[in-house]
Amino acid sequence: MQPMVTPEQVESMICAQIPDAQVMVNDLTGGGDHLQVTVVSSAFAGKSLIKQHQLVYGAVQAAMSTEAIHALALKTYTPDRWLNEAQG
């Protein structure tokens, strides 16, 4: 049986790597291995979407390499972009 991670553990991993991150984790299947993660951080400013995602993937690499996380749907935002998205 593969190890599982909780949404809280994923949030902690990301915040350890990106200290100002606001992280929202949704377990898509209830099994803890298919997650949707939204991250808002000023660390993303001036970075391409690929670079933003690489920062987050770097933070959860250990969990992904053990298949504790099998699938990760990722959305990243700068604080300004997050506010613009929230306002529609």
PDB file of N, CA and C in Angstrom:
ATOM      1  N   MET A   1       0.849  -1.187   0.000  1.00  0.00           N
ATOM      2  CA  MET A   1       0.000   0.000   0.000  1.00  0.00           C
ATOM      3  C   MET A   1       0.890   1.243   0.000  1.00  0.00           C
ATOM      4  N   GLN A   2       0.508   2.206  -0.824  1.00  0.00           N
ATOM      5  CA  GLN A   2       1.330   3.413  -0.928  1.00  0.00           C
ATOM      6  C   GLN A   2       1.071   4.353   0.242  1.00  0.00           C
ATOM      7  N   PRO A   3       2.092   5.129   0.626  1.00  0.00           N
ATOM      8  CA  PRO A   3       1.895   6.104   1.699  1.00  0.00           C
ATOM      9  C   PRO A   3       0.929   7.194   1.248  1.00  0.00           C
ATOM     10  N   MET A   4       0.211   7.760   2.195  1.00  0.00           N
ATOM     11  CA  MET A   4      -0.731   8.834   1.875  1.00  0.00           C
ATOM     12  C   MET A   4      -0.283  10.118   2.556  1.00  0.00           C
ATOM     13  N   VAL A   5      -0.684  11.226   1.971  1.00  0.00           N
ATOM     14  CA  VAL A   5      -0.445  12.516   2.599  1.00  0.00           C
ATOM     15  C   VAL A   5      -1.785  13.203   2.785  1.00  0.00           C
ATOM     16  N   THR A   6      -1.875  14.013   3.818  1.00  0.00           N
ATOM     17  CA  THR A   6      -3.091  14.775   4.063  1.00  0.00           C
ATOM     18  C   THR A   6      -2.974  16.125   3.358  1.00  0.00           C
ATOM     19  N   PRO A   7      -4.106  16.775   3.100  1.00  0.00           N
ATOM     20  CA  PRO A   7      -4.039  18.128   2.542  1.00  0.00           C
ATOM     21  C   PRO A   7      -3.194  19.068   3.406  1.00  0.00           C
ATOM     22  N   GLU A   8      -3.253  18.881   4.718  1.00  0.00           N
ATOM     23  CA  GLU A   8      -2.469  19.730   5.622  1.00  0.00           C
ATOM     24  C   GLU A   8      -0.973  19.512   5.424  1.00  0.00           C
ATOM     25  N   GLN A   9      -0.574  18.261   5.193  1.00  0.00           N
ATOM     26  CA  GLN A   9       0.842  17.970   4.950  1.00  0.00           C
ATOM     27  C   GLN A   9       1.314  18.605   3.646  1.00  0.00           C
ATOM     28  N   VAL A  10       0.480  18.557   2.625  1.00  0.00           N
ATOM     29  CA  VAL A  10       0.826  19.180   1.345  1.00  0.00           C
ATOM     30  C   VAL A  10       0.975  20.686   1.535  1.00  0.00           C
ATOM     31  N   GLU A  11       0.050  21.281   2.263  1.00  0.00           N
ATOM     32  CA  GLU A  11       0.133  22.713   2.542  1.00  0.00           C
ATOM     33  C   GLU A  11       1.437  23.048   3.267  1.00  0.00           C
ATOM     34  N   SER A  12       1.804  22.243   4.248  1.00  0.00           N
ATOM     35  CA  SER A  12       3.047  22.468   4.998  1.00  0.00           C
ATOM     36  C   SER A  12       4.278  22.356   4.108  1.00  0.00           C
ATOM     37  N   MET A  13       4.286  21.370   3.210  1.00  0.00           N
ATOM     38  CA  MET A  13       5.421  21.200   2.296  1.00  0.00           C
ATOM     39  C   MET A  13       5.596  22.435   1.417  1.00  0.00           C
ATOM     40  N   ILE A  14       4.476  22.939   0.895  1.00  0.00           N
ATOM     41  CA  ILE A  14       4.542  24.098   0.004  1.00  0.00           C
ATOM     42  C   ILE A  14       4.953  25.343   0.778  1.00  0.00           C
ATOM     43  N   CYS A  15       4.390  25.537   1.963  1.00  0.00           N
ATOM     44  CA  CYS A  15       4.722  26.722   2.764  1.00  0.00           C
ATOM     45  C   CYS A  15       6.172  26.698   3.243  1.00  0.00           C
ATOM     46  N   ALA A  16       6.742  25.514   3.424  1.00  0.00           N
ATOM     47  CA  ALA A  16       8.150  25.421   3.809  1.00  0.00           C
ATOM     48  C   ALA A  16       9.050  25.929   2.683  1.00  0.00           C
ATOM     49  N   GLN A  17       8.636  25.705   1.449  1.00  0.00           N
ATOM     50  CA  GLN A  17       9.412  26.107   0.276  1.00  0.00           C
ATOM     51  C   GLN A  17       9.080  27.536  -0.158  1.00  0.00           C
ATOM     52  N   ILE A  18       7.825  27.945   0.018  1.00  0.00           N
ATOM     53  CA  ILE A  18       7.350  29.263  -0.410  1.00  0.00           C
ATOM     54  C   ILE A  18       6.664  29.890   0.807  1.00  0.00           C
ATOM     55  N   PRO A  19       7.439  30.540   1.688  1.00  0.00           N
ATOM     56  CA  PRO A  19       6.920  30.961   3.000  1.00  0.00           C
ATOM     57  C   PRO A  19       5.680  31.857   2.980  1.00  0.00           C
ATOM     58  N   ASP A  20       5.525  32.717   1.975  1.00  0.00           N
ATOM     59  CA  ASP A  20       4.360  33.612   1.991  1.00  0.00           C
ATOM     60  C   ASP A  20       3.148  33.011   1.282  1.00  0.00           C
ATOM     61  N   ALA A  21       3.231  31.746   0.906  1.00  0.00           N
ATOM     62  CA  ALA A  21       2.166  31.124   0.115  1.00  0.00           C
ATOM     63  C   ALA A  21       0.872  30.974   0.902  1.00  0.00           C
ATOM     64  N   GLN A  22      -0.214  31.253   0.211  1.00  0.00           N
ATOM     65  CA  GLN A  22      -1.549  30.886   0.685  1.00  0.00           C
ATOM     66  C   GLN A  22      -1.901  29.646  -0.131  1.00  0.00           C
ATOM     67  N   VAL A  23      -2.202  28.557   0.551  1.00  0.00           N
ATOM     68  CA  VAL A  23      -2.379  27.269  -0.119  1.00  0.00           C
ATOM     69  C   VAL A  23      -3.755  26.707   0.187  1.00  0.00           C
ATOM     70  N   MET A  24      -4.449  26.286  -0.863  1.00  0.00           N
ATOM     71  CA  MET A  24      -5.733  25.618  -0.718  1.00  0.00           C
ATOM     72  C   MET A  24      -5.611  24.256  -1.391  1.00  0.00           C
ATOM     73  N   VAL A  25      -5.864  23.188  -0.637  1.00  0.00           N
ATOM     74  CA  VAL A  25      -5.716  21.826  -1.151  1.00  0.00           C
ATOM     75  C   VAL A  25      -7.067  21.129  -1.093  1.00  0.00           C
ATOM     76  N   ASN A  26      -7.492  20.580  -2.227  1.00  0.00           N
ATOM     77  CA  ASN A  26      -8.714  19.788  -2.286  1.00  0.00           C
ATOM     78  C   ASN A  26      -8.355  18.366  -2.688  1.00  0.00           C
ATOM     79  N   ASP A  27      -8.833  17.410  -1.913  1.00  0.00           N
ATOM     80  CA  ASP A  27      -8.647  15.993  -2.218  1.00  0.00           C
ATOM     81  C   ASP A  27      -9.757  15.605  -3.191  1.00  0.00           C
ATOM     82  N   LEU A  28      -9.401  15.307  -4.433  1.00  0.00           N
ATOM     83  CA  LEU A  28     -10.397  15.069  -5.474  1.00  0.00           C
ATOM     84  C   LEU A  28     -11.065  13.705  -5.392  1.00  0.00           C
ATOM     85  N   THR A  29     -10.408  12.732  -4.742  1.00  0.00           N
ATOM     86  CA  THR A  29     -10.949  11.373  -4.730  1.00  0.00           C
ATOM     87  C   THR A  29     -11.235  10.831  -3.337  1.00  0.00           C
ATOM     88  N   GLY A  30     -10.782  11.541  -2.307  1.00  0.00           N
ATOM     89  CA  GLY A  30     -10.947  11.049  -0.949  1.00  0.00           C
ATOM     90  C   GLY A  30      -9.840  10.103  -0.522  1.00  0.00           C
ATOM     91  N   GLY A  31      -8.948   9.770  -1.452  1.00  0.00           N
ATOM     92  CA  GLY A  31      -7.861   8.851  -1.137  1.00  0.00           C
ATOM     93  C   GLY A  31      -6.544   9.533  -0.827  1.00  0.00           C
ATOM     94  N   GLY A  32      -6.495  10.852  -0.978  1.00  0.00           N
ATOM     95  CA  GLY A  32      -5.294  11.599  -0.654  1.00  0.00           C
ATOM     96  C   GLY A  32      -4.225  11.603  -1.723  1.00  0.00           C
ATOM     97  N   ASP A  33      -4.466  10.919  -2.859  1.00  0.00           N
ATOM     98  CA  ASP A  33      -3.405  10.858  -3.870  1.00  0.00           C
ATOM     99  C   ASP A  33      -3.719  11.643  -5.142  1.00  0.00           C
ATOM    100  N   HIS A  34      -4.938  12.129  -5.288  1.00  0.00           N
ATOM    101  CA  HIS A  34      -5.321  12.987  -6.412  1.00  0.00           C
ATOM    102  C   HIS A  34      -5.766  14.324  -5.821  1.00  0.00           C
ATOM    103  N   LEU A  35      -4.933  15.327  -5.993  1.00  0.00           N
ATOM    104  CA  LEU A  35      -5.163  16.600  -5.321  1.00  0.00           C
ATOM    105  C   LEU A  35      -5.271  17.749  -6.303  1.00  0.00           C
ATOM    106  N   GLN A  36      -6.094  18.725  -5.943  1.00  0.00           N
ATOM    107  CA  GLN A  36      -6.133  20.002  -6.646  1.00  0.00           C
ATOM    108  C   GLN A  36      -5.570  21.030  -5.677  1.00  0.00           C
ATOM    109  N   VAL A  37      -4.542  21.741  -6.102  1.00  0.00           N
ATOM    110  CA  VAL A  37      -3.861  22.687  -5.237  1.00  0.00           C
ATOM    111  C   VAL A  37      -3.860  24.059  -5.892  1.00  0.00           C
ATOM    112  N   THR A  38      -4.279  25.063  -5.124  1.00  0.00           N
ATOM    113  CA  THR A  38      -4.207  26.457  -5.555  1.00  0.00           C
ATOM    114  C   THR A  38      -3.229  27.157  -4.635  1.00  0.00           C
ATOM    115  N   VAL A  39      -2.260  27.856  -5.230  1.00  0.00           N
ATOM    116  CA  VAL A  39      -1.231  28.539  -4.455  1.00  0.00           C
ATOM    117  C   VAL A  39      -1.178  29.997  -4.887  1.00  0.00           C
ATOM    118  N   VAL A  40      -1.236  30.895  -3.900  1.00  0.00           N
ATOM    119  CA  VAL A  40      -1.109  32.332  -4.146  1.00  0.00           C
ATOM    120  C   VAL A  40       0.155  32.794  -3.437  1.00  0.00           C
ATOM    121  N   SER A  41       1.081  33.420  -4.191  1.00  0.00           N
ATOM    122  CA  SER A  41       2.335  33.862  -3.589  1.00  0.00           C
ATOM    123  C   SER A  41       2.963  34.987  -4.396  1.00  0.00           C
ATOM    124  N   SER A  42       3.564  35.926  -3.682  1.00  0.00           N
ATOM    125  CA  SER A  42       4.315  36.986  -4.359  1.00  0.00           C
ATOM    126  C   SER A  42       5.590  36.429  -4.985  1.00  0.00           C
ATOM    127  N   ALA A  43       6.009  35.226  -4.584  1.00  0.00           N
ATOM    128  CA  ALA A  43       7.193  34.593  -5.181  1.00  0.00           C
ATOM    129  C   ALA A  43       6.984  34.302  -6.664  1.00  0.00           C
ATOM    130  N   PHE A  44       5.737  34.293  -7.122  1.00  0.00           N
ATOM    131  CA  PHE A  44       5.436  34.008  -8.520  1.00  0.00           C
ATOM    132  C   PHE A  44       5.549  35.241  -9.412  1.00  0.00           C
ATOM    133  N   ALA A  45       5.656  36.421  -8.831  1.00  0.00           N
ATOM    134  CA  ALA A  45       5.702  37.663  -9.612  1.00  0.00           C
ATOM    135  C   ALA A  45       6.867  37.627 -10.592  1.00  0.00           C
ATOM    136  N   GLY A  46       6.575  37.937 -11.845  1.00  0.00           N
ATOM    137  CA  GLY A  46       7.605  37.988 -12.872  1.00  0.00           C
ATOM    138  C   GLY A  46       8.043  36.637 -13.403  1.00  0.00           C
ATOM    139  N   LYS A  47       7.448  35.555 -12.903  1.00  0.00           N
ATOM    140  CA  LYS A  47       7.814  34.207 -13.358  1.00  0.00           C
ATOM    141  C   LYS A  47       6.747  33.681 -14.319  1.00  0.00           C
ATOM    142  N   SER A  48       7.194  32.904 -15.293  1.00  0.00           N
ATOM    143  CA  SER A  48       6.252  32.264 -16.208  1.00  0.00           C
ATOM    144  C   SER A  48       5.430  31.232 -15.438  1.00  0.00           C
ATOM    145  N   LEU A  49       4.324  30.828 -16.028  1.00  0.00           N
ATOM    146  CA  LEU A  49       3.474  29.817 -15.403  1.00  0.00           C
ATOM    147  C   LEU A  49       4.263  28.527 -15.164  1.00  0.00           C
ATOM    148  N   ILE A  50       5.114  28.172 -16.103  1.00  0.00           N
ATOM    149  CA  ILE A  50       5.933  26.965 -15.940  1.00  0.00           C
ATOM    150  C   ILE A  50       6.853  27.101 -14.732  1.00  0.00           C
ATOM    151  N   LYS A  51       7.507  28.250 -14.582  1.00  0.00           N
ATOM    152  CA  LYS A  51       8.410  28.474 -13.442  1.00  0.00           C
ATOM    153  C   LYS A  51       7.631  28.456 -12.124  1.00  0.00           C
ATOM    154  N   GLN A  52       6.419  29.022 -12.132  1.00  0.00           N
ATOM    155  CA  GLN A  52       5.580  28.998 -10.929  1.00  0.00           C
ATOM    156  C   GLN A  52       5.279  27.557 -10.534  1.00  0.00           C
ATOM    157  N   HIS A  53       4.879  26.762 -11.506  1.00  0.00           N
ATOM    158  CA  HIS A  53       4.542  25.366 -11.228  1.00  0.00           C
ATOM    159  C   HIS A  53       5.773  24.588 -10.779  1.00  0.00           C
ATOM    160  N   GLN A  54       6.932  24.896 -11.357  1.00  0.00           N
ATOM    161  CA  GLN A  54       8.156  24.212 -10.945  1.00  0.00           C
ATOM    162  C   GLN A  54       8.477  24.477  -9.476  1.00  0.00           C
ATOM    163  N   LEU A  55       8.207  25.696  -9.005  1.00  0.00           N
ATOM    164  CA  LEU A  55       8.422  26.005  -7.585  1.00  0.00           C
ATOM    165  C   LEU A  55       7.566  25.102  -6.702  1.00  0.00           C
ATOM    166  N   VAL A  56       6.304  24.952  -7.079  1.00  0.00           N
ATOM    167  CA  VAL A  56       5.391  24.139  -6.274  1.00  0.00           C
ATOM    168  C   VAL A  56       5.749  22.654  -6.387  1.00  0.00           C
ATOM    169  N   TYR A  57       6.005  22.188  -7.599  1.00  0.00           N
ATOM    170  CA  TYR A  57       6.385  20.780  -7.764  1.00  0.00           C
ATOM    171  C   TYR A  57       7.652  20.459  -6.986  1.00  0.00           C
ATOM    172  N   GLY A  58       8.581  21.409  -6.925  1.00  0.00           N
ATOM    173  CA  GLY A  58       9.794  21.207  -6.143  1.00  0.00           C
ATOM    174  C   GLY A  58       9.490  20.977  -4.674  1.00  0.00           C
ATOM    175  N   ALA A  59       8.467  21.664  -4.179  1.00  0.00           N
ATOM    176  CA  ALA A  59       8.095  21.547  -2.768  1.00  0.00           C
ATOM    177  C   ALA A  59       7.463  20.196  -2.444  1.00  0.00           C
ATOM    178  N   VAL A  60       6.787  19.597  -3.412  1.00  0.00           N
ATOM    179  CA  VAL A  60       6.085  18.326  -3.157  1.00  0.00           C
ATOM    180  C   VAL A  60       6.761  17.137  -3.847  1.00  0.00           C
ATOM    181  N   GLN A  61       7.967  17.344  -4.335  1.00  0.00           N
ATOM    182  CA  GLN A  61       8.680  16.305  -5.089  1.00  0.00           C
ATOM    183  C   GLN A  61       8.792  14.988  -4.321  1.00  0.00           C
ATOM    184  N   ALA A  62       9.128  15.062  -3.046  1.00  0.00           N
ATOM    185  CA  ALA A  62       9.303  13.831  -2.268  1.00  0.00           C
ATOM    186  C   ALA A  62       8.012  13.020  -2.223  1.00  0.00           C
ATOM    187  N   ALA A  63       6.886  13.694  -2.013  1.00  0.00           N
ATOM    188  CA  ALA A  63       5.599  12.989  -1.950  1.00  0.00           C
ATOM    189  C   ALA A  63       5.214  12.426  -3.313  1.00  0.00           C
ATOM    190  N   MET A  64       5.580  13.122  -4.377  1.00  0.00           N
ATOM    191  CA  MET A  64       5.261  12.620  -5.714  1.00  0.00           C
ATOM    192  C   MET A  64       6.161  11.444  -6.088  1.00  0.00           C
ATOM    193  N   SER A  65       7.414  11.469  -5.669  1.00  0.00           N
ATOM    194  CA  SER A  65       8.339  10.393  -6.041  1.00  0.00           C
ATOM    195  C   SER A  65       7.994   9.078  -5.348  1.00  0.00           C
ATOM    196  N   THR A  66       7.357   9.147  -4.193  1.00  0.00           N
ATOM    197  CA  THR A  66       6.917   7.928  -3.508  1.00  0.00           C
ATOM    198  C   THR A  66       5.497   7.540  -3.899  1.00  0.00           C
ATOM    199  N   GLU A  67       4.899   8.317  -4.787  1.00  0.00           N
ATOM    200  CA  GLU A  67       3.522   8.147  -5.243  1.00  0.00           C
ATOM    201  C   GLU A  67       2.497   8.357  -4.141  1.00  0.00           C
ATOM    202  N   ALA A  68       2.900   9.027  -3.050  1.00  0.00           N
ATOM    203  CA  ALA A  68       1.916   9.438  -2.049  1.00  0.00           C
ATOM    204  C   ALA A  68       0.950  10.422  -2.707  1.00  0.00           C
ATOM    205  N   ILE A  69       1.481  11.210  -3.639  1.00  0.00           N
ATOM    206  CA  ILE A  69       0.640  12.039  -4.506  1.00  0.00           C
ATOM    207  C   ILE A  69       0.795  11.463  -5.905  1.00  0.00           C
ATOM    208  N   HIS A  70      -0.303  11.000  -6.462  1.00  0.00           N
ATOM    209  CA  HIS A  70      -0.269  10.398  -7.791  1.00  0.00           C
ATOM    210  C   HIS A  70      -0.568  11.435  -8.862  1.00  0.00           C
ATOM    211  N   ALA A  71      -1.507  12.335  -8.580  1.00  0.00           N
ATOM    212  CA  ALA A  71      -1.902  13.358  -9.545  1.00  0.00           C
ATOM    213  C   ALA A  71      -2.085  14.681  -8.819  1.00  0.00           C
ATOM    214  N   LEU A  72      -1.593  15.738  -9.455  1.00  0.00           N
ATOM    215  CA  LEU A  72      -1.657  17.063  -8.853  1.00  0.00           C
ATOM    216  C   LEU A  72      -2.161  18.046  -9.898  1.00  0.00           C
ATOM    217  N   ALA A  73      -3.359  18.571  -9.685  1.00  0.00           N
ATOM    218  CA  ALA A  73      -3.891  19.640 -10.532  1.00  0.00           C
ATOM    219  C   ALA A  73      -3.510  20.946  -9.855  1.00  0.00           C
ATOM    220  N   LEU A  74      -2.782  21.786 -10.556  1.00  0.00           N
ATOM    221  CA  LEU A  74      -2.149  22.936  -9.928  1.00  0.00           C
ATOM    222  C   LEU A  74      -2.601  24.237 -10.564  1.00  0.00           C
ATOM    223  N   LYS A  75      -2.935  25.210  -9.711  1.00  0.00           N
ATOM    224  CA  LYS A  75      -3.229  26.575 -10.147  1.00  0.00           C
ATOM    225  C   LYS A  75      -2.380  27.504  -9.302  1.00  0.00           C
ATOM    226  N   THR A  76      -1.669  28.417  -9.963  1.00  0.00           N
ATOM    227  CA  THR A  76      -0.815  29.355  -9.241  1.00  0.00           C
ATOM    228  C   THR A  76      -1.188  30.781  -9.617  1.00  0.00           C
ATOM    229  N   TYR A  77      -1.096  31.660  -8.627  1.00  0.00           N
ATOM    230  CA  TYR A  77      -1.457  33.063  -8.819  1.00  0.00           C
ATOM    231  C   TYR A  77      -0.516  33.960  -8.030  1.00  0.00           C
ATOM    232  N   THR A  78      -0.247  35.154  -8.569  1.00  0.00           N
ATOM    233  CA  THR A  78       0.333  36.209  -7.748  1.00  0.00           C
ATOM    234  C   THR A  78      -0.824  36.795  -6.946  1.00  0.00           C
ATOM    235  N   PRO A  79      -0.552  37.512  -5.853  1.00  0.00           N
ATOM    236  CA  PRO A  79      -1.657  38.117  -5.096  1.00  0.00           C
ATOM    237  C   PRO A  79      -2.526  39.044  -5.951  1.00  0.00           C
ATOM    238  N   ASP A  80      -1.917  39.846  -6.819  1.00  0.00           N
ATOM    239  CA  ASP A  80      -2.697  40.752  -7.672  1.00  0.00           C
ATOM    240  C   ASP A  80      -3.595  39.982  -8.629  1.00  0.00           C
ATOM    241  N   ARG A  81      -3.050  38.954  -9.246  1.00  0.00           N
ATOM    242  CA  ARG A  81      -3.850  38.165 -10.185  1.00  0.00           C
ATOM    243  C   ARG A  81      -4.978  37.434  -9.450  1.00  0.00           C
ATOM    244  N   TRP A  82      -4.699  36.961  -8.244  1.00  0.00           N
ATOM    245  CA  TRP A  82      -5.722  36.291  -7.443  1.00  0.00           C
ATOM    246  C   TRP A  82      -6.881  37.244  -7.162  1.00  0.00           C
ATOM    247  N   LEU A  83      -6.552  38.486  -6.785  1.00  0.00           N
ATOM    248  CA  LEU A  83      -7.601  39.475  -6.521  1.00  0.00           C
ATOM    249  C   LEU A  83      -8.407  39.756  -7.781  1.00  0.00           C
ATOM    250  N   ASN A  84      -7.732  39.878  -8.917  1.00  0.00           N
ATOM    251  CA  ASN A  84      -8.434  40.121 -10.179  1.00  0.00           C
ATOM    252  C   ASN A  84      -9.342  38.958 -10.540  1.00  0.00           C
ATOM    253  N   GLU A  85      -8.878  37.737 -10.337  1.00  0.00           N
ATOM    254  CA  GLU A  85      -9.695  36.549 -10.625  1.00  0.00           C
ATOM    255  C   GLU A  85     -10.906  36.491  -9.693  1.00  0.00           C
ATOM    256  N   ALA A  86     -10.686  36.822  -8.426  1.00  0.00           N
ATOM    257  CA  ALA A  86     -11.766  36.770  -7.438  1.00  0.00           C
ATOM    258  C   ALA A  86     -12.851  37.797  -7.736  1.00  0.00           C
ATOM    259  N   GLN A  87     -12.451  38.922  -8.313  1.00  0.00           N
ATOM    260  CA  GLN A  87     -13.418  39.980  -8.618  1.00  0.00           C
ATOM    261  C   GLN A  87     -14.119  39.740  -9.945  1.00  0.00           C
ATOM    262  N   GLY A  88     -13.704  38.714 -10.650  1.00  0.00           N
ATOM    263  CA  GLY A  88     -14.359  38.307 -11.874  1.00  0.00           C
ATOM    264  C   GLY A  88     -13.978  39.123 -13.049  1.00  0.00           C
TER     265      GLY A  88
END
